[in-house]
């Protein structure tokens, strides 16, 4: 598989991941990590509404879930909710456990 094939196959792979994760949902109802991963897959495959719901659930289960915070800020921005997205981004930037490279990327999002 060359680079072009891999890039064109990305939506199909994300859709397959979303389907696989949906099949596991009943076993993961209390897992913030599960909902963060599901939300990320949904967000990257363009399913903004369901991604937001999954990411919200991840944050309800664990408000400190960093990956869910980052993806939820992106989902808010994509949905046109600029101020909540910026506010969450600021919260993320205030985390002491944020890796330097990620801090730089998130600062550029501000």
Protein backbone atom coordinates (compact mmCIF):
# COMPACT_ATOMS: atom_id res chain seq x y z
CA UNK A 1 0.00 0.00 0.00
CA UNK A 2 1.48 3.36 -0.97
CA UNK A 3 0.97 6.71 0.77
CA UNK A 4 -1.90 7.75 -1.52
CA UNK A 5 -3.74 4.48 -0.91
CA UNK A 6 -3.23 4.81 2.84
CA UNK A 7 -4.56 8.38 2.84
CA UNK A 8 -7.62 7.48 0.78
CA UNK A 9 -8.28 4.48 3.04
CA UNK A 10 -8.32 6.60 6.22
CA UNK A 11 -12.10 7.29 6.23
CA UNK A 12 -12.83 3.59 5.80
CA UNK A 13 -10.45 2.66 8.61
CA UNK A 14 -11.99 5.28 10.92
CA UNK A 15 -15.48 4.02 10.09
CA UNK A 16 -14.39 0.44 10.85
CA UNK A 17 -12.86 1.55 14.16
CA UNK A 18 -16.07 3.37 15.08
CA UNK A 19 -18.09 0.24 14.32
CA UNK A 20 -15.75 -1.95 16.37
CA UNK A 21 -15.89 0.44 19.30
CA UNK A 22 -19.69 0.60 19.14
CA UNK A 23 -19.81 -3.18 19.44
CA UNK A 24 -17.76 -2.97 22.66
CA UNK A 25 -19.84 -0.23 24.25
CA UNK A 26 -21.92 -2.43 26.56
CA UNK A 27 -18.71 -3.65 28.25
CA UNK A 28 -17.26 -0.15 28.63
CA UNK A 29 -20.10 1.95 30.04
CA UNK A 30 -17.93 3.29 32.89
CA UNK A 31 -14.71 3.76 30.92
CA UNK A 32 -13.66 7.33 30.23
CA UNK A 33 -10.85 6.05 28.01
CA UNK A 34 -13.32 4.10 25.87
CA UNK A 35 -15.54 7.13 25.27
CA UNK A 36 -12.52 9.34 24.58
CA UNK A 37 -11.29 6.89 21.93
CA UNK A 38 -14.77 6.49 20.45
CA UNK A 39 -15.21 10.27 20.37
CA UNK A 40 -11.84 10.74 18.68
CA UNK A 41 -12.72 8.17 16.00
CA UNK A 42 -16.11 9.78 15.45
CA UNK A 43 -14.59 13.27 15.31
CA UNK A 44 -11.96 12.22 12.79
CA UNK A 45 -14.58 10.56 10.60
CA UNK A 46 -16.73 13.70 10.54
CA UNK A 47 -19.48 12.58 12.94
CA UNK A 48 -19.42 15.79 14.95
CA UNK A 49 -22.66 15.42 16.93
CA UNK A 50 -22.05 11.89 18.17
CA UNK A 51 -18.37 12.70 18.76
CA UNK A 52 -19.37 15.56 21.04
CA UNK A 53 -21.69 13.25 22.99
CA UNK A 54 -19.01 10.58 23.40
CA UNK A 55 -16.41 13.12 24.49
CA UNK A 56 -18.84 14.71 26.95
CA UNK A 57 -19.49 11.28 28.45
CA UNK A 58 -15.74 10.66 28.73
CA UNK A 59 -15.37 13.93 30.61
CA UNK A 60 -18.33 13.18 32.86
CA UNK A 61 -16.65 9.92 33.84
CA UNK A 62 -13.23 11.56 34.26
CA UNK A 63 -13.08 15.37 34.03
CA UNK A 64 -9.26 15.20 33.93
CA UNK A 65 -9.08 12.98 30.82
CA UNK A 66 -6.61 15.02 28.77
CA UNK A 67 -7.21 13.41 25.39
CA UNK A 68 -10.97 13.86 25.77
CA UNK A 69 -10.44 17.51 26.74
CA UNK A 70 -8.31 18.17 23.65
CA UNK A 71 -10.71 16.44 21.27
CA UNK A 72 -13.75 18.04 22.88
CA UNK A 73 -12.21 21.49 22.44
CA UNK A 74 -11.69 20.64 18.77
CA UNK A 75 -15.29 19.41 18.46
CA UNK A 76 -16.61 22.59 20.08
CA UNK A 77 -14.57 24.69 17.66
CA UNK A 78 -15.78 22.65 14.66
CA UNK A 79 -19.38 23.14 15.83
CA UNK A 80 -18.87 26.90 15.88
CA UNK A 81 -18.78 27.16 19.68
CA UNK A 82 -15.69 29.34 19.68
CA UNK A 83 -15.76 30.71 23.23
CA UNK A 84 -16.28 27.36 25.01
CA UNK A 85 -13.57 25.86 22.78
CA UNK A 86 -11.12 28.62 23.70
CA UNK A 87 -12.01 28.36 27.38
CA UNK A 88 -11.39 24.61 27.40
CA UNK A 89 -8.15 25.10 25.48
CA UNK A 90 -7.00 27.52 28.19
CA UNK A 91 -7.87 24.94 30.85
CA UNK A 92 -5.80 22.34 29.02
CA UNK A 93 -2.87 24.75 28.71
CA UNK A 94 -3.00 25.20 32.50
CA UNK A 95 -2.35 21.51 33.12
CA UNK A 96 1.03 20.74 34.68
CA UNK A 97 1.20 17.31 33.01
CA UNK A 98 0.90 18.70 29.46
CA UNK A 99 3.89 17.65 27.29
CA UNK A 100 5.89 20.59 25.88
CA UNK A 101 5.33 19.61 22.24
CA UNK A 102 1.59 19.39 22.79
CA UNK A 103 1.61 22.70 24.67
CA UNK A 104 3.17 24.36 21.59
CA UNK A 105 0.52 22.88 19.29
CA UNK A 106 -2.33 23.94 21.58
CA UNK A 107 -0.88 27.42 21.98
CA UNK A 108 -1.06 27.81 18.20
CA UNK A 109 -4.75 26.83 18.37
CA UNK A 110 -5.47 29.70 20.74
